[in-house]
Amino acid sequence: MSVWKIDNAHTQVNFSAKHMMVTTVRGTFHDVQGEIELDEADPTRSRGEFRVATASVDTNFAARDGHLRSPDFFNIEAFPVITFRSTSVEPAGDQYQVSGDLTIRDVTRPVTFDVELDGIVPGMQGGRHAGLTATTKVDRDSWGLNWNVALEQGGWLVGKEIKLDITIAADEVSGEVLADVPAEPVGAAS
């Protein structure tokens, strides 16, 4: 079993949602912290914990980002962190299904990600570096993110289905177990 810390500079939590039912808005969260306990011999014994700073949301449009940070959506003052804690890892062909608890605005719901281990290579600073890709779709209403505007022609301004596409980079932390790795506070990213 080896422990890995998220490399915030090379990790992206990307999301997309329909806008006015015909276009897609994409965004990312830039501040991601977390740890992975990886069992390379038996990946089903692996687990992970991740923290995302809600204030780091970025859709490349300041007015929309401000609205996403407001009480209508993430309410960053009251809920500064989104968390995910895995509960199981199951093989699915050449990928894995990683299930866990996703908490947004103090609402926790189960979510399953399709995860692919893209590889493990020697790190630039020594040690080893791993890359993973995780994808899923969620209904934002399940977490109380239900602000919307009905469109005159029918439908909604903001789609309810959110696609998550996460690129994870992690560096091995030698000789430690997950409980011993200090969690960096979200917002401490450089």
N, C-alpha and C. Protein backbone atom coordinates (compact mmCIF):
# COMPACT_ATOMS: atom_id res chain seq x y z
N MET A 1 0.85 -1.18 0.00
CA MET A 1 0.00 0.00 0.00
C MET A 1 0.90 1.24 0.00
N SER A 2 0.65 2.16 -0.91
CA SER A 2 1.43 3.39 -0.97
C SER A 2 0.49 4.59 -0.89
N VAL A 3 1.02 5.69 -0.36
CA VAL A 3 0.22 6.91 -0.19
C VAL A 3 0.71 7.96 -1.18
N TRP A 4 -0.26 8.66 -1.77
CA TRP A 4 0.02 9.66 -2.79
C TRP A 4 -0.71 10.95 -2.42
N LYS A 5 -0.03 12.09 -2.62
CA LYS A 5 -0.65 13.40 -2.42
C LYS A 5 -0.99 13.99 -3.78
N ILE A 6 -2.14 14.64 -3.84
CA ILE A 6 -2.56 15.29 -5.08
C ILE A 6 -1.58 16.40 -5.43
N ASP A 7 -1.18 16.43 -6.69
CA ASP A 7 -0.35 17.49 -7.25
C ASP A 7 -1.31 18.55 -7.79
N ASN A 8 -1.58 19.57 -6.98
CA ASN A 8 -2.58 20.57 -7.32
C ASN A 8 -2.28 21.29 -8.64
N ALA A 9 -1.01 21.50 -8.94
CA ALA A 9 -0.64 22.23 -10.15
C ALA A 9 -1.00 21.47 -11.42
N HIS A 10 -1.16 20.15 -11.32
CA HIS A 10 -1.44 19.34 -12.51
C HIS A 10 -2.75 18.56 -12.40
N THR A 11 -3.59 18.94 -11.46
CA THR A 11 -4.89 18.29 -11.27
C THR A 11 -5.98 19.29 -11.64
N GLN A 12 -6.98 18.82 -12.37
CA GLN A 12 -8.10 19.68 -12.77
C GLN A 12 -9.41 18.97 -12.51
N VAL A 13 -10.33 19.68 -11.86
CA VAL A 13 -11.70 19.22 -11.72
C VAL A 13 -12.51 20.04 -12.71
N ASN A 14 -12.83 19.45 -13.84
CA ASN A 14 -13.58 20.12 -14.90
C ASN A 14 -15.04 19.70 -14.84
N PHE A 15 -15.93 20.64 -15.20
CA PHE A 15 -17.35 20.34 -15.23
C PHE A 15 -17.98 21.01 -16.44
N SER A 16 -19.12 20.49 -16.85
CA SER A 16 -19.86 21.12 -17.94
C SER A 16 -21.35 20.94 -17.70
N ALA A 17 -22.12 21.93 -18.20
CA ALA A 17 -23.58 21.91 -18.07
C ALA A 17 -24.18 22.60 -19.28
N LYS A 18 -25.37 22.23 -19.62
CA LYS A 18 -26.08 22.88 -20.72
C LYS A 18 -26.53 24.27 -20.30
N HIS A 19 -26.45 25.21 -21.23
CA HIS A 19 -26.92 26.58 -21.03
C HIS A 19 -28.00 26.86 -22.07
N MET A 20 -29.16 27.25 -21.62
CA MET A 20 -30.32 27.53 -22.48
C MET A 20 -30.67 26.31 -23.35
N MET A 21 -30.29 25.15 -22.90
CA MET A 21 -30.62 23.86 -23.50
C MET A 21 -29.91 23.57 -24.82
N VAL A 22 -29.11 24.52 -25.33
CA VAL A 22 -28.49 24.29 -26.64
C VAL A 22 -26.98 24.47 -26.67
N THR A 23 -26.40 25.15 -25.69
CA THR A 23 -24.95 25.31 -25.66
C THR A 23 -24.40 24.70 -24.37
N THR A 24 -23.11 24.51 -24.32
CA THR A 24 -22.47 23.91 -23.15
C THR A 24 -21.51 24.91 -22.52
N VAL A 25 -21.66 25.09 -21.22
CA VAL A 25 -20.73 25.92 -20.44
C VAL A 25 -19.77 24.98 -19.73
N ARG A 26 -18.49 25.31 -19.81
CA ARG A 26 -17.46 24.50 -19.16
C ARG A 26 -16.74 25.34 -18.11
N GLY A 27 -16.30 24.66 -17.07
CA GLY A 27 -15.56 25.35 -16.03
C GLY A 27 -14.62 24.39 -15.33
N THR A 28 -13.86 24.93 -14.42
CA THR A 28 -12.91 24.13 -13.66
C THR A 28 -12.78 24.67 -12.25
N PHE A 29 -12.34 23.83 -11.35
CA PHE A 29 -11.93 24.24 -10.02
C PHE A 29 -10.41 24.11 -10.00
N HIS A 30 -9.73 25.19 -9.61
CA HIS A 30 -8.27 25.21 -9.66
C HIS A 30 -7.60 24.71 -8.38
N ASP A 31 -8.31 24.73 -7.26
CA ASP A 31 -7.69 24.38 -5.97
C ASP A 31 -8.22 23.04 -5.49
N VAL A 32 -7.41 22.00 -5.67
CA VAL A 32 -7.78 20.63 -5.30
C VAL A 32 -6.68 20.06 -4.42
N GLN A 33 -7.06 19.53 -3.28
CA GLN A 33 -6.12 18.89 -2.36
C GLN A 33 -6.63 17.47 -2.12
N GLY A 34 -5.76 16.59 -1.70
CA GLY A 34 -6.23 15.25 -1.37
C GLY A 34 -5.13 14.23 -1.30
N GLU A 35 -5.54 13.03 -0.93
CA GLU A 35 -4.63 11.91 -0.76
C GLU A 35 -5.27 10.65 -1.33
N ILE A 36 -4.42 9.77 -1.83
CA ILE A 36 -4.86 8.47 -2.33
C ILE A 36 -4.01 7.40 -1.66
N GLU A 37 -4.64 6.38 -1.17
CA GLU A 37 -3.94 5.20 -0.66
C GLU A 37 -4.12 4.14 -1.73
N LEU A 38 -3.03 3.79 -2.43
CA LEU A 38 -3.09 2.92 -3.60
C LEU A 38 -2.47 1.56 -3.30
N ASP A 39 -3.26 0.52 -3.51
CA ASP A 39 -2.76 -0.85 -3.41
C ASP A 39 -2.58 -1.35 -4.84
N GLU A 40 -1.36 -1.33 -5.32
CA GLU A 40 -1.10 -1.70 -6.71
C GLU A 40 -1.35 -3.18 -6.96
N ALA A 41 -1.18 -4.03 -5.95
CA ALA A 41 -1.42 -5.46 -6.10
C ALA A 41 -2.92 -5.77 -6.12
N ASP A 42 -3.70 -5.02 -5.37
CA ASP A 42 -5.14 -5.22 -5.29
C ASP A 42 -5.82 -3.85 -5.24
N PRO A 43 -6.02 -3.21 -6.41
CA PRO A 43 -6.58 -1.87 -6.44
C PRO A 43 -7.94 -1.72 -5.74
N THR A 44 -8.66 -2.83 -5.54
CA THR A 44 -9.96 -2.72 -4.86
C THR A 44 -9.79 -2.33 -3.39
N ARG A 45 -8.58 -2.43 -2.86
CA ARG A 45 -8.31 -2.02 -1.48
C ARG A 45 -7.89 -0.55 -1.39
N SER A 46 -7.81 0.12 -2.52
CA SER A 46 -7.38 1.52 -2.55
C SER A 46 -8.50 2.44 -2.06
N ARG A 47 -8.11 3.65 -1.67
CA ARG A 47 -9.10 4.64 -1.26
C ARG A 47 -8.53 6.03 -1.46
N GLY A 48 -9.43 7.03 -1.41
CA GLY A 48 -8.97 8.40 -1.59
C GLY A 48 -9.88 9.40 -0.91
N GLU A 49 -9.31 10.55 -0.62
CA GLU A 49 -10.05 11.67 -0.04
C GLU A 49 -9.61 12.93 -0.78
N PHE A 50 -10.59 13.74 -1.18
CA PHE A 50 -10.31 14.94 -1.97
C PHE A 50 -11.09 16.12 -1.43
N ARG A 51 -10.47 17.32 -1.51
CA ARG A 51 -11.09 18.56 -1.08
C ARG A 51 -10.92 19.59 -2.20
N VAL A 52 -12.02 20.26 -2.54
CA VAL A 52 -12.01 21.24 -3.61
C VAL A 52 -12.50 22.57 -3.04
N ALA A 53 -11.73 23.64 -3.24
CA ALA A 53 -12.13 24.97 -2.77
C ALA A 53 -13.18 25.53 -3.72
N THR A 54 -14.37 25.80 -3.21
CA THR A 54 -15.45 26.32 -4.05
C THR A 54 -15.10 27.69 -4.63
N ALA A 55 -14.31 28.48 -3.91
CA ALA A 55 -13.93 29.81 -4.40
C ALA A 55 -13.05 29.74 -5.65
N SER A 56 -12.48 28.56 -5.93
CA SER A 56 -11.58 28.43 -7.08
C SER A 56 -12.31 28.12 -8.38
N VAL A 57 -13.65 28.17 -8.37
CA VAL A 57 -14.43 27.89 -9.58
C VAL A 57 -14.11 28.95 -10.65
N ASP A 58 -13.97 28.51 -11.90
CA ASP A 58 -13.60 29.40 -12.99
C ASP A 58 -14.24 28.91 -14.28
N THR A 59 -15.13 29.75 -14.85
CA THR A 59 -15.76 29.42 -16.14
C THR A 59 -15.30 30.38 -17.24
N ASN A 60 -14.27 31.17 -16.93
CA ASN A 60 -13.73 32.13 -17.89
C ASN A 60 -14.69 33.29 -18.16
N PHE A 61 -15.60 33.56 -17.21
CA PHE A 61 -16.54 34.68 -17.33
C PHE A 61 -16.83 35.16 -15.90
N ALA A 62 -16.27 36.32 -15.53
CA ALA A 62 -16.29 36.79 -14.14
C ALA A 62 -17.70 36.90 -13.56
N ALA A 63 -18.66 37.39 -14.33
CA ALA A 63 -20.02 37.55 -13.80
C ALA A 63 -20.63 36.19 -13.46
N ARG A 64 -20.43 35.20 -14.32
CA ARG A 64 -20.96 33.86 -14.05
C ARG A 64 -20.24 33.25 -12.85
N ASP A 65 -18.93 33.43 -12.77
CA ASP A 65 -18.17 32.90 -11.64
C ASP A 65 -18.67 33.50 -10.33
N GLY A 66 -18.96 34.80 -10.32
CA GLY A 66 -19.51 35.44 -9.14
C GLY A 66 -20.85 34.85 -8.75
N HIS A 67 -21.69 34.57 -9.75
CA HIS A 67 -22.99 33.96 -9.47
C HIS A 67 -22.81 32.54 -8.92
N LEU A 68 -21.89 31.78 -9.47
CA LEU A 68 -21.64 30.43 -8.96
C LEU A 68 -21.12 30.45 -7.52
N ARG A 69 -20.39 31.49 -7.15
CA ARG A 69 -19.87 31.60 -5.78
C ARG A 69 -20.93 32.09 -4.80
N SER A 70 -22.03 32.62 -5.30
CA SER A 70 -23.08 33.23 -4.46
C SER A 70 -23.94 32.17 -3.78
N PRO A 71 -24.83 32.59 -2.86
CA PRO A 71 -25.75 31.64 -2.21
C PRO A 71 -26.68 30.91 -3.18
N ASP A 72 -26.85 31.42 -4.41
CA ASP A 72 -27.68 30.70 -5.39
C ASP A 72 -27.07 29.34 -5.76
N PHE A 73 -25.75 29.23 -5.68
CA PHE A 73 -25.08 27.99 -6.07
C PHE A 73 -24.19 27.48 -4.93
N PHE A 74 -22.89 27.72 -5.00
CA PHE A 74 -21.97 27.11 -4.03
C PHE A 74 -21.94 27.80 -2.67
N ASN A 75 -22.35 29.07 -2.60
CA ASN A 75 -22.38 29.79 -1.33
C ASN A 75 -21.04 29.63 -0.61
N ILE A 76 -19.99 30.15 -1.23
CA ILE A 76 -18.62 29.89 -0.77
C ILE A 76 -18.33 30.39 0.64
N GLU A 77 -19.04 31.40 1.09
CA GLU A 77 -18.80 31.90 2.46
C GLU A 77 -19.23 30.85 3.48
N ALA A 78 -20.38 30.23 3.26
CA ALA A 78 -20.90 29.23 4.20
C ALA A 78 -20.32 27.84 3.94
N PHE A 79 -20.00 27.54 2.68
CA PHE A 79 -19.56 26.19 2.29
C PHE A 79 -18.31 26.29 1.42
N PRO A 80 -17.15 26.53 2.03
CA PRO A 80 -15.94 26.77 1.24
C PRO A 80 -15.32 25.54 0.59
N VAL A 81 -15.79 24.33 0.95
CA VAL A 81 -15.13 23.12 0.47
C VAL A 81 -16.15 22.09 -0.01
N ILE A 82 -15.84 21.47 -1.14
CA ILE A 82 -16.53 20.27 -1.63
C ILE A 82 -15.62 19.10 -1.28
N THR A 83 -16.18 18.01 -0.76
CA THR A 83 -15.34 16.86 -0.42
C THR A 83 -15.85 15.59 -1.11
N PHE A 84 -14.92 14.69 -1.37
CA PHE A 84 -15.25 13.35 -1.85
C PHE A 84 -14.40 12.37 -1.05
N ARG A 85 -15.05 11.35 -0.52
CA ARG A 85 -14.34 10.29 0.21
C ARG A 85 -14.80 8.96 -0.39
N SER A 86 -13.87 8.20 -0.93
CA SER A 86 -14.24 6.93 -1.56
C SER A 86 -14.67 5.91 -0.51
N THR A 87 -15.58 5.03 -0.93
CA THR A 87 -16.06 3.95 -0.06
C THR A 87 -15.81 2.57 -0.66
N SER A 88 -15.63 2.49 -1.99
CA SER A 88 -15.34 1.20 -2.62
C SER A 88 -14.70 1.41 -3.99
N VAL A 89 -13.93 0.41 -4.40
CA VAL A 89 -13.30 0.38 -5.72
C VAL A 89 -13.58 -0.98 -6.32
N GLU A 90 -14.19 -1.00 -7.50
CA GLU A 90 -14.53 -2.26 -8.17
C GLU A 90 -13.97 -2.25 -9.58
N PRO A 91 -13.41 -3.40 -10.04
CA PRO A 91 -12.92 -3.46 -11.42
C PRO A 91 -14.07 -3.38 -12.41
N ALA A 92 -13.81 -2.73 -13.55
CA ALA A 92 -14.80 -2.61 -14.63
C ALA A 92 -14.03 -2.62 -15.95
N GLY A 93 -13.69 -3.81 -16.43
CA GLY A 93 -12.87 -3.93 -17.63
C GLY A 93 -11.47 -3.42 -17.34
N ASP A 94 -10.98 -2.49 -18.17
CA ASP A 94 -9.65 -1.93 -17.94
C ASP A 94 -9.69 -0.67 -17.08
N GLN A 95 -10.86 -0.41 -16.49
CA GLN A 95 -11.04 0.74 -15.60
C GLN A 95 -11.52 0.24 -14.24
N TYR A 96 -11.86 1.21 -13.39
CA TYR A 96 -12.43 0.90 -12.08
C TYR A 96 -13.63 1.79 -11.84
N GLN A 97 -14.57 1.30 -11.07
CA GLN A 97 -15.68 2.11 -10.61
C GLN A 97 -15.38 2.46 -9.16
N VAL A 98 -15.17 3.74 -8.92
CA VAL A 98 -14.87 4.22 -7.57
C VAL A 98 -16.11 4.92 -7.03
N SER A 99 -16.69 4.33 -6.01
CA SER A 99 -17.88 4.91 -5.38
C SER A 99 -17.47 5.61 -4.10
N GLY A 100 -18.26 6.61 -3.73
CA GLY A 100 -17.96 7.33 -2.51
C GLY A 100 -19.00 8.37 -2.20
N ASP A 101 -18.71 9.16 -1.19
CA ASP A 101 -19.62 10.19 -0.71
C ASP A 101 -19.13 11.56 -1.16
N LEU A 102 -19.97 12.25 -1.94
CA LEU A 102 -19.67 13.60 -2.42
C LEU A 102 -20.49 14.57 -1.59
N THR A 103 -19.81 15.51 -0.93
CA THR A 103 -20.49 16.49 -0.08
C THR A 103 -20.34 17.88 -0.68
N ILE A 104 -21.48 18.50 -0.97
CA ILE A 104 -21.55 19.87 -1.47
C ILE A 104 -22.60 20.59 -0.63
N ARG A 105 -22.25 21.75 -0.10
CA ARG A 105 -23.19 22.54 0.73
C ARG A 105 -23.73 21.71 1.90
N ASP A 106 -22.89 20.92 2.52
CA ASP A 106 -23.24 20.06 3.66
C ASP A 106 -24.29 18.99 3.32
N VAL A 107 -24.48 18.71 2.05
CA VAL A 107 -25.36 17.63 1.61
C VAL A 107 -24.46 16.54 1.03
N THR A 108 -24.61 15.33 1.56
CA THR A 108 -23.77 14.20 1.13
C THR A 108 -24.61 13.20 0.36
N ARG A 109 -24.15 12.85 -0.83
CA ARG A 109 -24.84 11.88 -1.68
C ARG A 109 -23.80 10.90 -2.24
N PRO A 110 -24.23 9.65 -2.49
CA PRO A 110 -23.31 8.70 -3.12
C PRO A 110 -23.12 9.00 -4.60
N VAL A 111 -21.91 8.81 -5.07
CA VAL A 111 -21.55 9.04 -6.47
C VAL A 111 -20.58 7.94 -6.88
N THR A 112 -20.66 7.52 -8.14
CA THR A 112 -19.71 6.55 -8.68
C THR A 112 -19.00 7.17 -9.88
N PHE A 113 -17.68 7.12 -9.85
CA PHE A 113 -16.84 7.62 -10.94
C PHE A 113 -16.28 6.44 -11.72
N ASP A 114 -16.17 6.59 -13.04
CA ASP A 114 -15.39 5.69 -13.87
C ASP A 114 -13.96 6.21 -13.83
N VAL A 115 -13.03 5.38 -13.36
CA VAL A 115 -11.65 5.83 -13.14
C VAL A 115 -10.68 4.97 -13.93
N GLU A 116 -9.76 5.63 -14.60
CA GLU A 116 -8.70 4.93 -15.32
C GLU A 116 -7.35 5.37 -14.76
N LEU A 117 -6.52 4.40 -14.42
CA LEU A 117 -5.15 4.69 -14.02
C LEU A 117 -4.35 4.86 -15.30
N ASP A 118 -3.98 6.10 -15.59
CA ASP A 118 -3.30 6.41 -16.85
C ASP A 118 -1.84 5.97 -16.84
N GLY A 119 -1.28 5.80 -15.63
CA GLY A 119 0.09 5.32 -15.54
C GLY A 119 0.80 5.82 -14.31
N ILE A 120 1.92 5.16 -14.02
CA ILE A 120 2.81 5.56 -12.93
C ILE A 120 4.21 5.64 -13.53
N VAL A 121 4.86 6.79 -13.34
CA VAL A 121 6.18 7.03 -13.92
C VAL A 121 7.11 7.61 -12.86
N PRO A 122 8.43 7.59 -13.12
CA PRO A 122 9.34 8.27 -12.19
C PRO A 122 9.00 9.76 -12.14
N GLY A 123 9.01 10.33 -10.94
CA GLY A 123 8.69 11.74 -10.77
C GLY A 123 9.85 12.65 -11.14
N MET A 124 9.55 13.91 -11.39
CA MET A 124 10.57 14.90 -11.75
C MET A 124 11.50 15.21 -10.57
N GLN A 125 11.00 15.07 -9.34
CA GLN A 125 11.77 15.38 -8.14
C GLN A 125 12.16 14.10 -7.39
N GLY A 126 12.18 12.97 -8.08
CA GLY A 126 12.39 11.69 -7.42
C GLY A 126 11.03 11.09 -7.08
N GLY A 127 11.04 9.93 -6.49
CA GLY A 127 9.76 9.28 -6.18
C GLY A 127 9.01 8.91 -7.45
N ARG A 128 7.73 8.67 -7.31
CA ARG A 128 6.91 8.29 -8.46
C ARG A 128 5.74 9.26 -8.61
N HIS A 129 5.25 9.36 -9.83
CA HIS A 129 4.16 10.27 -10.19
C HIS A 129 3.09 9.44 -10.90
N ALA A 130 1.83 9.63 -10.50
CA ALA A 130 0.72 8.87 -11.09
C ALA A 130 -0.28 9.80 -11.75
N GLY A 131 -0.92 9.30 -12.79
CA GLY A 131 -1.99 10.04 -13.45
C GLY A 131 -3.24 9.19 -13.50
N LEU A 132 -4.38 9.80 -13.20
CA LEU A 132 -5.67 9.12 -13.25
C LEU A 132 -6.68 10.04 -13.92
N THR A 133 -7.70 9.45 -14.51
CA THR A 133 -8.81 10.20 -15.07
C THR A 133 -10.09 9.65 -14.48
N ALA A 134 -10.97 10.55 -14.04
CA ALA A 134 -12.25 10.14 -13.43
C ALA A 134 -13.38 10.92 -14.07
N THR A 135 -14.47 10.21 -14.42
CA THR A 135 -15.63 10.86 -15.03
C THR A 135 -16.92 10.36 -14.40
N THR A 136 -17.91 11.23 -14.38
CA THR A 136 -19.25 10.85 -13.94
C THR A 136 -20.22 11.95 -14.35
N LYS A 137 -21.49 11.69 -14.14
CA LYS A 137 -22.55 12.68 -14.33
C LYS A 137 -23.36 12.71 -13.05
N VAL A 138 -23.75 13.92 -12.63
CA VAL A 138 -24.57 14.08 -11.43
C VAL A 138 -25.72 15.04 -11.72
N ASP A 139 -26.77 14.94 -10.92
CA ASP A 139 -27.90 15.86 -10.98
C ASP A 139 -27.68 16.90 -9.89
N ARG A 140 -27.43 18.14 -10.26
CA ARG A 140 -27.09 19.17 -9.29
C ARG A 140 -28.19 19.41 -8.26
N ASP A 141 -29.44 19.13 -8.62
CA ASP A 141 -30.55 19.28 -7.67
C ASP A 141 -30.36 18.41 -6.43
N SER A 142 -29.65 17.29 -6.57
CA SER A 142 -29.44 16.38 -5.44
C SER A 142 -28.66 17.02 -4.30
N TRP A 143 -27.94 18.09 -4.59
CA TRP A 143 -27.15 18.81 -3.58
C TRP A 143 -27.73 20.19 -3.27
N GLY A 144 -28.96 20.43 -3.68
CA GLY A 144 -29.58 21.72 -3.41
C GLY A 144 -29.08 22.84 -4.31
N LEU A 145 -28.39 22.50 -5.40
CA LEU A 145 -27.93 23.50 -6.36
C LEU A 145 -29.02 23.67 -7.42
N ASN A 146 -30.15 24.22 -7.00
CA ASN A 146 -31.33 24.18 -7.87
C ASN A 146 -31.78 25.54 -8.39
N TRP A 147 -30.94 26.57 -8.28
CA TRP A 147 -31.30 27.86 -8.87
C TRP A 147 -31.49 27.67 -10.36
N ASN A 148 -32.52 28.31 -10.92
CA ASN A 148 -32.75 28.21 -12.35
C ASN A 148 -33.74 29.27 -12.79
N VAL A 149 -33.87 29.43 -14.09
CA VAL A 149 -34.84 30.33 -14.70
C VAL A 149 -35.53 29.55 -15.81
N ALA A 150 -36.87 29.55 -15.77
CA ALA A 150 -37.64 28.90 -16.84
C ALA A 150 -37.51 29.74 -18.11
N LEU A 151 -37.30 29.07 -19.22
CA LEU A 151 -37.19 29.76 -20.51
C LEU A 151 -38.57 29.90 -21.14
N GLU A 152 -38.79 31.00 -21.82
CA GLU A 152 -40.07 31.27 -22.47
C GLU A 152 -40.44 30.16 -23.46
N GLN A 153 -39.47 29.64 -24.17
CA GLN A 153 -39.73 28.58 -25.16
C GLN A 153 -39.83 27.20 -24.53
N GLY A 154 -39.70 27.14 -23.20
CA GLY A 154 -39.71 25.86 -22.49
C GLY A 154 -38.30 25.46 -22.11
N GLY A 155 -38.19 24.70 -21.06
CA GLY A 155 -36.89 24.26 -20.58
C GLY A 155 -36.32 25.23 -19.56
N TRP A 156 -35.01 25.07 -19.30
CA TRP A 156 -34.36 25.81 -18.22
C TRP A 156 -33.08 26.47 -18.69
N LEU A 157 -32.73 27.57 -18.04
CA LEU A 157 -31.51 28.30 -18.36
C LEU A 157 -30.27 27.44 -18.12
N VAL A 158 -30.24 26.74 -16.98
CA VAL A 158 -29.08 25.93 -16.60
C VAL A 158 -29.50 24.47 -16.52
N GLY A 159 -28.81 23.60 -17.25
CA GLY A 159 -29.11 22.17 -17.21
C GLY A 159 -28.91 21.58 -15.83
N LYS A 160 -29.70 20.58 -15.52
CA LYS A 160 -29.59 19.91 -14.22
C LYS A 160 -28.46 18.89 -14.20
N GLU A 161 -28.16 18.28 -15.35
CA GLU A 161 -27.09 17.28 -15.40
C GLU A 161 -25.74 17.97 -15.53
N ILE A 162 -24.84 17.61 -14.63
CA ILE A 162 -23.48 18.15 -14.64
C ILE A 162 -22.52 17.00 -14.95
N LYS A 163 -21.70 17.20 -15.96
CA LYS A 163 -20.67 16.21 -16.29
C LYS A 163 -19.38 16.62 -15.60
N LEU A 164 -18.77 15.67 -14.91
CA LEU A 164 -17.49 15.89 -14.25
C LEU A 164 -16.41 15.10 -14.98
N ASP A 165 -15.32 15.76 -15.31
CA ASP A 165 -14.19 15.14 -15.99
C ASP A 165 -12.94 15.60 -15.24
N ILE A 166 -12.36 14.69 -14.48
CA ILE A 166 -11.30 15.05 -13.55
C ILE A 166 -9.99 14.41 -13.97
N THR A 167 -8.96 15.23 -14.08
CA THR A 167 -7.61 14.76 -14.35
C THR A 167 -6.84 14.87 -13.05
N ILE A 168 -6.34 13.75 -12.56
CA ILE A 168 -5.66 13.71 -11.26
C ILE A 168 -4.19 13.39 -11.47
N ALA A 169 -3.34 14.22 -10.90
CA ALA A 169 -1.91 13.94 -10.83
C ALA A 169 -1.56 13.80 -9.36
N ALA A 170 -0.75 12.80 -9.03
CA ALA A 170 -0.41 12.57 -7.62
C ALA A 170 1.04 12.13 -7.50
N ASP A 171 1.65 12.53 -6.40
CA ASP A 171 3.03 12.16 -6.11
C ASP A 171 3.08 11.25 -4.90
N GLU A 172 3.86 10.18 -5.00
CA GLU A 172 3.98 9.22 -3.91
C GLU A 172 4.66 9.86 -2.70
N VAL A 173 4.10 9.58 -1.53
CA VAL A 173 4.67 10.03 -0.26
C VAL A 173 5.25 8.79 0.39
N SER A 174 6.55 8.67 0.44
CA SER A 174 7.20 7.43 0.90
C SER A 174 6.99 7.18 2.39
N GLY A 175 6.76 5.91 2.72
CA GLY A 175 6.78 5.45 4.09
C GLY A 175 5.70 5.98 5.01
N GLU A 176 4.61 6.47 4.49
CA GLU A 176 3.55 6.98 5.34
C GLU A 176 2.25 6.26 5.02
N VAL A 177 1.35 6.27 5.97
CA VAL A 177 0.01 5.76 5.73
C VAL A 177 -0.91 6.96 5.68
N LEU A 178 -2.08 6.79 5.07
CA LEU A 178 -2.98 7.91 4.83
C LEU A 178 -3.28 8.70 6.09
N ALA A 179 -3.46 8.04 7.22
CA ALA A 179 -3.79 8.74 8.46
C ALA A 179 -2.66 9.66 8.91
N ASP A 180 -1.41 9.38 8.48
CA ASP A 180 -0.27 10.19 8.91
C ASP A 180 0.04 11.36 7.98
N VAL A 181 -0.59 11.41 6.82
CA VAL A 181 -0.31 12.47 5.86
C VAL A 181 -1.12 13.70 6.25
N PRO A 182 -0.45 14.81 6.59
CA PRO A 182 -1.21 16.00 6.97
C PRO A 182 -1.98 16.55 5.78
N ALA A 183 -3.23 16.87 6.01
CA ALA A 183 -4.07 17.44 4.95
C ALA A 183 -3.75 18.92 4.83
N GLU A 184 -3.40 19.35 3.62
CA GLU A 184 -3.21 20.77 3.39
C GLU A 184 -4.57 21.43 3.40
N PRO A 185 -4.68 22.61 4.02
CA PRO A 185 -5.97 23.28 3.97
C PRO A 185 -6.28 23.70 2.54
N VAL A 186 -7.52 23.58 2.16
CA VAL A 186 -7.92 24.04 0.84
C VAL A 186 -7.73 25.54 0.82
N GLY A 187 -7.21 26.04 -0.27
CA GLY A 187 -6.89 27.45 -0.36
C GLY A 187 -5.40 27.70 -0.15
N ALA A 188 -4.67 26.64 0.21
CA ALA A 188 -3.23 26.76 0.46
C ALA A 188 -2.42 26.48 -0.79
N ALA A 189 -3.11 26.24 -1.91
CA ALA A 189 -2.41 25.89 -3.15
C ALA A 189 -1.58 27.07 -3.63
N SER A 190 -0.47 26.73 -4.26
CA SER A 190 0.38 27.80 -4.79
C SER A 190 0.00 28.13 -6.20
